[in-house]
């Protein structure tokens, strides 16, 4: 029996950019946030880039380990409570 693929995770809601798209950009050399923004349009939407709080930890984890985390721990530093 084949397990069902989980529903596609959208990281950037403004520009409808999926996690798969972002991960592919990183695997293909987008090793900075600016390169991710340029390759995918994630992080540059009308909201001002609220998804950057997920993009940075995703990229940092990949650069440190060579793998993507199962779940993204959103960076909440500086976020008002």
PDB file of N, CA and C in Angstrom:
ATOM      1  N   UNK A   1       0.837  -1.177   0.000  1.00  0.00           N
ATOM      2  CA  UNK A   1       0.000   0.000   0.000  1.00  0.00           C
ATOM      3  C   UNK A   1       0.885   1.245   0.000  1.00  0.00           C
ATOM      4  N   UNK A   2       0.629   2.168  -0.906  1.00  0.00           N
ATOM      5  CA  UNK A   2       1.404   3.403  -0.996  1.00  0.00           C
ATOM      6  C   UNK A   2       0.869   4.448  -0.033  1.00  0.00           C
ATOM      7  N   UNK A   3       1.763   5.034   0.782  1.00  0.00           N
ATOM      8  CA  UNK A   3       1.294   6.113   1.646  1.00  0.00           C
ATOM      9  C   UNK A   3       0.949   7.332   0.797  1.00  0.00           C
ATOM     10  N   UNK A   4      -0.030   8.080   1.239  1.00  0.00           N
ATOM     11  CA  UNK A   4      -0.447   9.272   0.509  1.00  0.00           C
ATOM     12  C   UNK A   4       0.567  10.379   0.740  1.00  0.00           C
ATOM     13  N   UNK A   5       0.855  11.093  -0.320  1.00  0.00           N
ATOM     14  CA  UNK A   5       1.747  12.246  -0.193  1.00  0.00           C
ATOM     15  C   UNK A   5       0.977  13.343   0.536  1.00  0.00           C
ATOM     16  N   UNK A   6       1.620  13.953   1.552  1.00  0.00           N
ATOM     17  CA  UNK A   6       0.911  15.007   2.272  1.00  0.00           C
ATOM     18  C   UNK A   6       0.583  16.177   1.359  1.00  0.00           C
ATOM     19  N   UNK A   7      -0.437  16.918   1.738  1.00  0.00           N
ATOM     20  CA  UNK A   7      -0.850  18.083   0.969  1.00  0.00           C
ATOM     21  C   UNK A   7       0.336  19.032   0.825  1.00  0.00           C
ATOM     22  N   UNK A   8       0.485  19.599  -0.336  1.00  0.00           N
ATOM     23  CA  UNK A   8       1.591  20.514  -0.631  1.00  0.00           C
ATOM     24  C   UNK A   8       1.593  21.695   0.332  1.00  0.00           C
ATOM     25  N   UNK A   9       2.731  21.903   1.000  1.00  0.00           N
ATOM     26  CA  UNK A   9       2.855  22.997   1.947  1.00  0.00           C
ATOM     27  C   UNK A   9       3.206  24.282   1.197  1.00  0.00           C
ATOM     28  N   UNK A  10       2.379  25.300   1.368  1.00  0.00           N
ATOM     29  CA  UNK A  10       2.641  26.601   0.771  1.00  0.00           C
ATOM     30  C   UNK A  10       3.363  27.447   1.817  1.00  0.00           C
ATOM     31  N   UNK A  11       4.555  27.905   1.478  1.00  0.00           N
ATOM     32  CA  UNK A  11       5.348  28.720   2.390  1.00  0.00           C
ATOM     33  C   UNK A  11       5.008  30.196   2.203  1.00  0.00           C
ATOM     34  N   UNK A  12       4.958  30.651   0.967  1.00  0.00           N
ATOM     35  CA  UNK A  12       4.648  32.049   0.665  1.00  0.00           C
ATOM     36  C   UNK A  12       3.213  32.128   0.158  1.00  0.00           C
ATOM     37  N   UNK A  13       2.334  32.586   1.033  1.00  0.00           N
ATOM     38  CA  UNK A  13       0.925  32.654   0.668  1.00  0.00           C
ATOM     39  C   UNK A  13       0.652  33.745  -0.368  1.00  0.00           C
ATOM     40  N   UNK A  14       1.357  34.867  -0.268  1.00  0.00           N
ATOM     41  CA  UNK A  14       1.123  35.982  -1.197  1.00  0.00           C
ATOM     42  C   UNK A  14       1.373  35.586  -2.651  1.00  0.00           C
ATOM     43  N   UNK A  15       2.458  34.850  -2.867  1.00  0.00           N
ATOM     44  CA  UNK A  15       2.844  34.477  -4.222  1.00  0.00           C
ATOM     45  C   UNK A  15       2.619  33.002  -4.515  1.00  0.00           C
ATOM     46  N   UNK A  16       1.960  32.297  -3.581  1.00  0.00           N
ATOM     47  CA  UNK A  16       1.607  30.890  -3.760  1.00  0.00           C
ATOM     48  C   UNK A  16       2.829  30.030  -4.109  1.00  0.00           C
ATOM     49  N   UNK A  17       3.889  30.168  -3.299  1.00  0.00           N
ATOM     50  CA  UNK A  17       5.123  29.422  -3.543  1.00  0.00           C
ATOM     51  C   UNK A  17       5.193  28.254  -2.566  1.00  0.00           C
ATOM     52  N   UNK A  18       5.352  27.062  -3.114  1.00  0.00           N
ATOM     53  CA  UNK A  18       5.353  25.853  -2.299  1.00  0.00           C
ATOM     54  C   UNK A  18       6.724  25.573  -1.701  1.00  0.00           C
ATOM     55  N   UNK A  19       6.702  24.760  -0.681  1.00  0.00           N
ATOM     56  CA  UNK A  19       7.957  24.308  -0.060  1.00  0.00           C
ATOM     57  C   UNK A  19       8.802  23.545  -1.069  1.00  0.00           C
ATOM     58  N   UNK A  20       8.172  22.718  -1.904  1.00  0.00           N
ATOM     59  CA  UNK A  20       8.922  21.972  -2.918  1.00  0.00           C
ATOM     60  C   UNK A  20       9.672  22.908  -3.860  1.00  0.00           C
ATOM     61  N   UNK A  21       9.030  24.000  -4.261  1.00  0.00           N
ATOM     62  CA  UNK A  21       9.665  24.976  -5.153  1.00  0.00           C
ATOM     63  C   UNK A  21      10.864  25.621  -4.477  1.00  0.00           C
ATOM     64  N   UNK A  22      10.702  25.980  -3.202  1.00  0.00           N
ATOM     65  CA  UNK A  22      11.784  26.610  -2.448  1.00  0.00           C
ATOM     66  C   UNK A  22      12.939  25.630  -2.251  1.00  0.00           C
ATOM     67  N   UNK A  23      12.624  24.400  -1.890  1.00  0.00           N
ATOM     68  CA  UNK A  23      13.670  23.398  -1.695  1.00  0.00           C
ATOM     69  C   UNK A  23      14.424  23.132  -2.994  1.00  0.00           C
ATOM     70  N   UNK A  24      13.719  23.105  -4.110  1.00  0.00           N
ATOM     71  CA  UNK A  24      14.379  22.892  -5.406  1.00  0.00           C
ATOM     72  C   UNK A  24      15.330  24.048  -5.713  1.00  0.00           C
ATOM     73  N   UNK A  25      14.918  25.266  -5.420  1.00  0.00           N
ATOM     74  CA  UNK A  25      15.777  26.427  -5.653  1.00  0.00           C
ATOM     75  C   UNK A  25      17.042  26.336  -4.800  1.00  0.00           C
ATOM     76  N   UNK A  26      16.886  25.932  -3.550  1.00  0.00           N
ATOM     77  CA  UNK A  26      18.038  25.794  -2.655  1.00  0.00           C
ATOM     78  C   UNK A  26      18.974  24.699  -3.166  1.00  0.00           C
ATOM     79  N   UNK A  27      18.415  23.559  -3.547  1.00  0.00           N
ATOM     80  CA  UNK A  27      19.239  22.462  -4.083  1.00  0.00           C
ATOM     81  C   UNK A  27      19.981  22.896  -5.347  1.00  0.00           C
ATOM     82  N   UNK A  28      19.382  23.818  -6.101  1.00  0.00           N
ATOM     83  CA  UNK A  28      19.990  24.275  -7.358  1.00  0.00           C
ATOM     84  C   UNK A  28      20.877  25.507  -7.180  1.00  0.00           C
ATOM     85  N   UNK A  29      21.256  25.819  -5.927  1.00  0.00           N
ATOM     86  CA  UNK A  29      22.251  26.858  -5.720  1.00  0.00           C
ATOM     87  C   UNK A  29      21.800  28.138  -5.042  1.00  0.00           C
ATOM     88  N   UNK A  30      20.525  28.271  -4.719  1.00  0.00           N
ATOM     89  CA  UNK A  30      20.061  29.466  -4.016  1.00  0.00           C
ATOM     90  C   UNK A  30      20.490  29.344  -2.552  1.00  0.00           C
ATOM     91  N   UNK A  31      21.683  29.839  -2.253  1.00  0.00           N
ATOM     92  CA  UNK A  31      22.258  29.645  -0.925  1.00  0.00           C
ATOM     93  C   UNK A  31      22.186  30.890  -0.038  1.00  0.00           C
ATOM     94  N   UNK A  32      21.398  31.872  -0.457  1.00  0.00           N
ATOM     95  CA  UNK A  32      21.115  33.049   0.368  1.00  0.00           C
ATOM     96  C   UNK A  32      19.628  33.353   0.250  1.00  0.00           C
ATOM     97  N   UNK A  33      19.116  34.115   1.195  1.00  0.00           N
ATOM     98  CA  UNK A  33      17.699  34.488   1.117  1.00  0.00           C
ATOM     99  C   UNK A  33      17.425  35.292  -0.150  1.00  0.00           C
ATOM    100  N   UNK A  34      18.308  36.205  -0.500  1.00  0.00           N
ATOM    101  CA  UNK A  34      18.090  37.005  -1.712  1.00  0.00           C
ATOM    102  C   UNK A  34      18.001  36.140  -2.958  1.00  0.00           C
ATOM    103  N   UNK A  35      18.815  35.092  -3.034  1.00  0.00           N
ATOM    104  CA  UNK A  35      18.746  34.189  -4.184  1.00  0.00           C
ATOM    105  C   UNK A  35      17.430  33.423  -4.197  1.00  0.00           C
ATOM    106  N   UNK A  36      16.942  33.041  -3.015  1.00  0.00           N
ATOM    107  CA  UNK A  36      15.633  32.372  -2.944  1.00  0.00           C
ATOM    108  C   UNK A  36      14.552  33.326  -3.422  1.00  0.00           C
ATOM    109  N   UNK A  37      14.606  34.579  -2.966  1.00  0.00           N
ATOM    110  CA  UNK A  37      13.612  35.575  -3.392  1.00  0.00           C
ATOM    111  C   UNK A  37      13.628  35.712  -4.911  1.00  0.00           C
ATOM    112  N   UNK A  38      14.828  35.821  -5.492  1.00  0.00           N
ATOM    113  CA  UNK A  38      14.963  36.012  -6.940  1.00  0.00           C
ATOM    114  C   UNK A  38      14.474  34.804  -7.729  1.00  0.00           C
ATOM    115  N   UNK A  39      14.781  33.602  -7.252  1.00  0.00           N
ATOM    116  CA  UNK A  39      14.426  32.375  -7.978  1.00  0.00           C
ATOM    117  C   UNK A  39      12.949  32.015  -7.882  1.00  0.00           C
ATOM    118  N   UNK A  40      12.325  32.347  -6.749  1.00  0.00           N
ATOM    119  CA  UNK A  40      10.988  31.819  -6.494  1.00  0.00           C
ATOM    120  C   UNK A  40       9.900  32.870  -6.308  1.00  0.00           C
ATOM    121  N   UNK A  41      10.261  34.097  -6.039  1.00  0.00           N
ATOM    122  CA  UNK A  41       9.366  35.205  -5.664  1.00  0.00           C
ATOM    123  C   UNK A  41       8.812  35.055  -4.249  1.00  0.00           C
ATOM    124  N   UNK A  42       9.242  34.036  -3.528  1.00  0.00           N
ATOM    125  CA  UNK A  42       8.857  33.907  -2.117  1.00  0.00           C
ATOM    126  C   UNK A  42       9.561  34.992  -1.318  1.00  0.00           C
ATOM    127  N   UNK A  43       8.849  35.561  -0.364  1.00  0.00           N
ATOM    128  CA  UNK A  43       9.445  36.552   0.522  1.00  0.00           C
ATOM    129  C   UNK A  43       9.367  37.974   0.036  1.00  0.00           C
ATOM    130  N   UNK A  44       8.776  38.176  -1.126  1.00  0.00           N
ATOM    131  CA  UNK A  44       8.710  39.531  -1.685  1.00  0.00           C
ATOM    132  C   UNK A  44       7.274  39.934  -2.034  1.00  0.00           C
ATOM    133  N   UNK A  45       6.322  39.373  -1.309  1.00  0.00           N
ATOM    134  CA  UNK A  45       4.922  39.669  -1.588  1.00  0.00           C
ATOM    135  C   UNK A  45       4.446  40.949  -0.927  1.00  0.00           C
ATOM    136  N   UNK A  46       3.196  41.286  -1.146  1.00  0.00           N
ATOM    137  CA  UNK A  46       2.626  42.512  -0.589  1.00  0.00           C
ATOM    138  C   UNK A  46       2.577  42.538   0.939  1.00  0.00           C
ATOM    139  N   UNK A  47       2.726  41.403   1.582  1.00  0.00           N
ATOM    140  CA  UNK A  47       2.689  41.372   3.048  1.00  0.00           C
ATOM    141  C   UNK A  47       3.997  41.882   3.646  1.00  0.00           C
ATOM    142  N   UNK A  48       5.010  42.038   2.814  1.00  0.00           N
ATOM    143  CA  UNK A  48       6.300  42.491   3.318  1.00  0.00           C
ATOM    144  C   UNK A  48       7.240  41.352   3.657  1.00  0.00           C
ATOM    145  N   UNK A  49       6.873  40.154   3.303  1.00  0.00           N
ATOM    146  CA  UNK A  49       7.775  39.026   3.492  1.00  0.00           C
ATOM    147  C   UNK A  49       7.618  38.283   4.802  1.00  0.00           C
ATOM    148  N   UNK A  50       6.393  38.088   5.261  1.00  0.00           N
ATOM    149  CA  UNK A  50       6.187  37.374   6.525  1.00  0.00           C
ATOM    150  C   UNK A  50       6.699  35.930   6.460  1.00  0.00           C
ATOM    151  N   UNK A  51       6.775  35.348   5.278  1.00  0.00           N
ATOM    152  CA  UNK A  51       7.259  33.968   5.154  1.00  0.00           C
ATOM    153  C   UNK A  51       8.763  33.869   5.354  1.00  0.00           C
ATOM    154  N   UNK A  52       9.441  34.996   5.399  1.00  0.00           N
ATOM    155  CA  UNK A  52      10.890  34.967   5.623  1.00  0.00           C
ATOM    156  C   UNK A  52      11.221  34.317   6.959  1.00  0.00           C
ATOM    157  N   UNK A  53      10.284  34.338   7.888  1.00  0.00           N
ATOM    158  CA  UNK A  53      10.488  33.701   9.193  1.00  0.00           C
ATOM    159  C   UNK A  53      10.556  32.179   9.066  1.00  0.00           C
ATOM    160  N   UNK A  54      10.080  31.656   7.954  1.00  0.00           N
ATOM    161  CA  UNK A  54      10.208  30.222   7.674  1.00  0.00           C
ATOM    162  C   UNK A  54      11.347  29.939   6.709  1.00  0.00           C
ATOM    163  N   UNK A  55      11.572  30.864   5.787  1.00  0.00           N
ATOM    164  CA  UNK A  55      12.620  30.659   4.792  1.00  0.00           C
ATOM    165  C   UNK A  55      14.010  30.594   5.426  1.00  0.00           C
ATOM    166  N   UNK A  56      14.279  31.507   6.340  1.00  0.00           N
ATOM    167  CA  UNK A  56      15.611  31.557   6.948  1.00  0.00           C
ATOM    168  C   UNK A  56      15.959  30.268   7.697  1.00  0.00           C
ATOM    169  N   UNK A  57      15.083  29.770   8.589  1.00  0.00           N
ATOM    170  CA  UNK A  57      15.425  28.510   9.275  1.00  0.00           C
ATOM    171  C   UNK A  57      15.550  27.319   8.316  1.00  0.00           C
ATOM    172  N   UNK A  58      14.735  27.290   7.281  1.00  0.00           N
ATOM    173  CA  UNK A  58      14.810  26.212   6.291  1.00  0.00           C
ATOM    174  C   UNK A  58      16.175  26.237   5.600  1.00  0.00           C
ATOM    175  N   UNK A  59      16.583  27.408   5.147  1.00  0.00           N
ATOM    176  CA  UNK A  59      17.875  27.543   4.478  1.00  0.00           C
ATOM    177  C   UNK A  59      19.027  27.241   5.430  1.00  0.00           C
ATOM    178  N   UNK A  60      18.990  27.786   6.626  1.00  0.00           N
ATOM    179  CA  UNK A  60      20.060  27.566   7.601  1.00  0.00           C
ATOM    180  C   UNK A  60      20.231  26.081   7.921  1.00  0.00           C
ATOM    181  N   UNK A  61      19.123  25.386   8.098  1.00  0.00           N
ATOM    182  CA  UNK A  61      19.186  23.947   8.394  1.00  0.00           C
ATOM    183  C   UNK A  61      19.812  23.195   7.225  1.00  0.00           C
ATOM    184  N   UNK A  62      19.406  23.526   6.023  1.00  0.00           N
ATOM    185  CA  UNK A  62      19.954  22.841   4.849  1.00  0.00           C
ATOM    186  C   UNK A  62      21.458  23.102   4.707  1.00  0.00           C
ATOM    187  N   UNK A  63      21.860  24.357   4.882  1.00  0.00           N
ATOM    188  CA  UNK A  63      23.274  24.689   4.736  1.00  0.00           C
ATOM    189  C   UNK A  63      24.126  24.013   5.807  1.00  0.00           C
ATOM    190  N   UNK A  64      23.562  23.819   6.998  1.00  0.00           N
ATOM    191  CA  UNK A  64      24.308  23.194   8.094  1.00  0.00           C
ATOM    192  C   UNK A  64      24.367  21.671   7.990  1.00  0.00           C
ATOM    193  N   UNK A  65      23.296  21.058   7.443  1.00  0.00           N
ATOM    194  CA  UNK A  65      23.204  19.597   7.472  1.00  0.00           C
ATOM    195  C   UNK A  65      23.162  18.937   6.098  1.00  0.00           C
ATOM    196  N   UNK A  66      22.836  19.697   5.059  1.00  0.00           N
ATOM    197  CA  UNK A  66      22.675  19.104   3.736  1.00  0.00           C
ATOM    198  C   UNK A  66      21.334  18.439   3.545  1.00  0.00           C
ATOM    199  N   UNK A  67      20.440  18.608   4.515  1.00  0.00           N
ATOM    200  CA  UNK A  67      19.098  18.025   4.440  1.00  0.00           C
ATOM    201  C   UNK A  67      18.070  19.067   4.870  1.00  0.00           C
ATOM    202  N   UNK A  68      16.853  18.871   4.426  1.00  0.00           N
ATOM    203  CA  UNK A  68      15.768  19.759   4.836  1.00  0.00           C
ATOM    204  C   UNK A  68      15.087  19.179   6.068  1.00  0.00           C
ATOM    205  N   UNK A  69      14.676  20.026   6.999  1.00  0.00           N
ATOM    206  CA  UNK A  69      13.993  19.533   8.195  1.00  0.00           C
ATOM    207  C   UNK A  69      12.598  19.022   7.843  1.00  0.00           C
ATOM    208  N   UNK A  70      12.102  18.082   8.644  1.00  0.00           N
ATOM    209  CA  UNK A  70      10.737  17.597   8.427  1.00  0.00           C
ATOM    210  C   UNK A  70       9.731  18.713   8.626  1.00  0.00           C
ATOM    211  N   UNK A  71       9.931  19.457   9.697  1.00  0.00           N
ATOM    212  CA  UNK A  71       9.066  20.606   9.969  1.00  0.00           C
ATOM    213  C   UNK A  71       9.940  21.847  10.110  1.00  0.00           C
ATOM    214  N   UNK A  72       9.381  22.968   9.721  1.00  0.00           N
ATOM    215  CA  UNK A  72      10.116  24.223   9.795  1.00  0.00           C
ATOM    216  C   UNK A  72       9.749  24.914  11.099  1.00  0.00           C
ATOM    217  N   UNK A  73      10.760  25.244  11.876  1.00  0.00           N
ATOM    218  CA  UNK A  73      10.537  25.990  13.109  1.00  0.00           C
ATOM    219  C   UNK A  73      10.660  27.473  12.799  1.00  0.00           C
ATOM    220  N   UNK A  74       9.533  28.145  12.788  1.00  0.00           N
ATOM    221  CA  UNK A  74       9.486  29.556  12.432  1.00  0.00           C
ATOM    222  C   UNK A  74      10.336  30.385  13.389  1.00  0.00           C
ATOM    223  N   UNK A  75      11.124  31.293  12.836  1.00  0.00           N
ATOM    224  CA  UNK A  75      11.959  32.212  13.632  1.00  0.00           C
ATOM    225  C   UNK A  75      11.061  33.318  14.155  1.00  0.00           C
ATOM    226  N   UNK A  76      10.855  33.342  15.464  1.00  0.00           N
ATOM    227  CA  UNK A  76       9.953  34.322  16.063  1.00  0.00           C
ATOM    228  C   UNK A  76      10.691  35.439  16.787  1.00  0.00           C
ATOM    229  N   UNK A  77      12.012  35.497  16.588  1.00  0.00           N
ATOM    230  CA  UNK A  77      12.755  36.595  17.208  1.00  0.00           C
ATOM    231  C   UNK A  77      12.265  37.919  16.646  1.00  0.00           C
ATOM    232  N   UNK A  78      12.034  38.863  17.525  1.00  0.00           N
ATOM    233  CA  UNK A  78      11.590  40.177  17.097  1.00  0.00           C
ATOM    234  C   UNK A  78      10.105  40.272  16.823  1.00  0.00           C
ATOM    235  N   UNK A  79       9.396  39.155  16.891  1.00  0.00           N
ATOM    236  CA  UNK A  79       7.966  39.159  16.606  1.00  0.00           C
ATOM    237  C   UNK A  79       7.203  39.625  17.837  1.00  0.00           C
ATOM    238  N   UNK A  80       6.279  40.550  17.624  1.00  0.00           N
ATOM    239  CA  UNK A  80       5.475  41.040  18.750  1.00  0.00           C
ATOM    240  C   UNK A  80       4.533  39.947  19.198  1.00  0.00           C
ATOM    241  N   UNK A  81       4.335  39.873  20.508  1.00  0.00           N
ATOM    242  CA  UNK A  81       3.472  38.799  21.045  1.00  0.00           C
ATOM    243  C   UNK A  81       2.094  39.287  21.299  1.00  0.00           C
TER     244      UNK A  81
END
